[in-house]
Amino acid sequence: IGKEEERRADGRQVLAELRGRYHIDAPGGLFTVTGRIDRLERLPDGTVALIDYKTGRTPTTGELLEGLKAQLPLEALMAERGQ
């Protein structure tokens, strides 16, 4: 509870269980990726923090570059575009 109070002390807005989508214009036609962001925090400086409670650990750079752990990057695209 103390950590949560610390995180909210700066006035950040906390949103949970947000559904989003990202459209990709692929060679075979429009492809839509859908997902759910566990927690999105709108920070006072205008940026956002995405938190996934089920990941277990932060993906390595190699996993991200190889496309093996795409969940958080896709969620970031959804958040960036407000979808």
Protein backbone atom coordinates (compact mmCIF):
# COMPACT_ATOMS: atom_id res chain seq x y z
CA ILE A 1 0.00 0.00 0.00
CA GLY A 2 2.87 2.33 0.80
CA LYS A 3 4.44 1.81 -2.64
CA GLU A 4 1.10 2.54 -4.31
CA GLU A 5 0.73 5.75 -2.30
CA GLU A 6 4.25 6.77 -3.36
CA ARG A 7 3.46 6.12 -7.04
CA ARG A 8 0.26 8.20 -6.90
CA ALA A 9 1.70 11.06 -4.82
CA ASP A 10 2.81 12.97 -7.94
CA GLY A 11 -0.74 13.11 -9.31
CA ARG A 12 -0.37 10.43 -11.96
CA GLN A 13 -3.54 8.97 -13.40
CA VAL A 14 -3.75 5.18 -13.08
CA LEU A 15 -5.83 3.16 -15.53
CA ALA A 16 -6.24 -0.62 -15.47
CA GLU A 17 -7.37 -3.37 -17.80
CA LEU A 18 -7.36 -1.17 -20.91
CA ARG A 19 -8.16 -2.83 -24.21
CA GLY A 20 -6.41 -1.63 -27.31
CA ARG A 21 -5.81 -2.40 -30.95
CA TYR A 22 -3.16 -1.67 -33.54
CA HIS A 23 -3.83 -1.85 -37.27
CA ILE A 24 -1.10 -2.97 -39.65
CA ASP A 25 -1.45 -2.47 -43.40
CA ALA A 26 0.05 -5.82 -44.43
CA PRO A 27 0.58 -7.18 -47.96
CA GLY A 28 -2.41 -9.52 -47.51
CA GLY A 29 -4.66 -6.74 -46.25
CA LEU A 30 -5.38 -4.99 -42.99
CA PHE A 31 -4.16 -6.95 -39.96
CA THR A 32 -5.35 -5.98 -36.48
CA VAL A 33 -3.52 -6.83 -33.28
CA THR A 34 -5.58 -6.57 -30.09
CA GLY A 35 -4.44 -6.63 -26.50
CA ARG A 36 -5.07 -5.64 -22.92
CA ILE A 37 -2.77 -3.41 -20.91
CA ASP A 38 -2.76 -4.43 -17.25
CA ARG A 39 -1.87 -0.97 -15.98
CA LEU A 40 -1.17 2.35 -17.67
CA GLU A 41 0.02 5.33 -15.66
CA ARG A 42 -0.20 8.82 -17.19
CA LEU A 43 2.73 10.68 -15.67
CA PRO A 44 2.74 14.42 -14.93
CA ASP A 45 5.32 15.06 -17.69
CA GLY A 46 2.94 13.66 -20.34
CA THR A 47 4.63 10.28 -20.74
CA VAL A 48 3.11 6.96 -19.78
CA ALA A 49 4.33 3.91 -17.91
CA LEU A 50 3.05 0.49 -18.97
CA ILE A 51 3.06 -2.26 -16.38
CA ASP A 52 2.42 -5.91 -17.15
CA TYR A 53 1.92 -8.05 -14.08
CA LYS A 54 2.14 -11.42 -15.85
CA THR A 55 5.41 -11.08 -17.73
CA GLY A 56 7.51 -12.27 -14.80
CA ARG A 57 10.69 -10.55 -15.95
CA THR A 58 11.79 -7.81 -18.27
CA PRO A 59 12.53 -9.18 -21.75
CA THR A 60 16.15 -9.08 -22.82
CA THR A 61 17.22 -6.76 -25.63
CA GLY A 62 17.83 -9.80 -27.81
CA GLU A 63 14.32 -11.15 -27.23
CA LEU A 64 12.84 -7.78 -28.16
CA LEU A 65 14.99 -7.35 -31.28
CA GLU A 66 14.16 -10.89 -32.45
CA GLY A 67 10.45 -10.28 -31.95
CA LEU A 68 10.15 -13.07 -29.37
CA LYS A 69 8.61 -10.85 -26.68
CA ALA A 70 6.35 -8.44 -28.54
CA GLN A 71 3.64 -7.86 -25.92
CA LEU A 72 4.98 -4.69 -24.29
CA PRO A 73 6.19 -3.08 -27.55
CA LEU A 74 2.75 -3.68 -29.11
CA GLU A 75 1.05 -2.26 -26.01
CA ALA A 76 3.32 0.79 -26.30
CA LEU A 77 2.21 1.30 -29.92
CA MET A 78 -1.43 1.08 -28.84
CA ALA A 79 -0.87 3.56 -26.02
CA GLU A 80 1.10 5.93 -28.27
CA ARG A 81 -1.72 6.05 -30.79
CA GLY A 82 -4.47 6.16 -28.16
CA GLN A 83 -6.15 3.09 -29.56
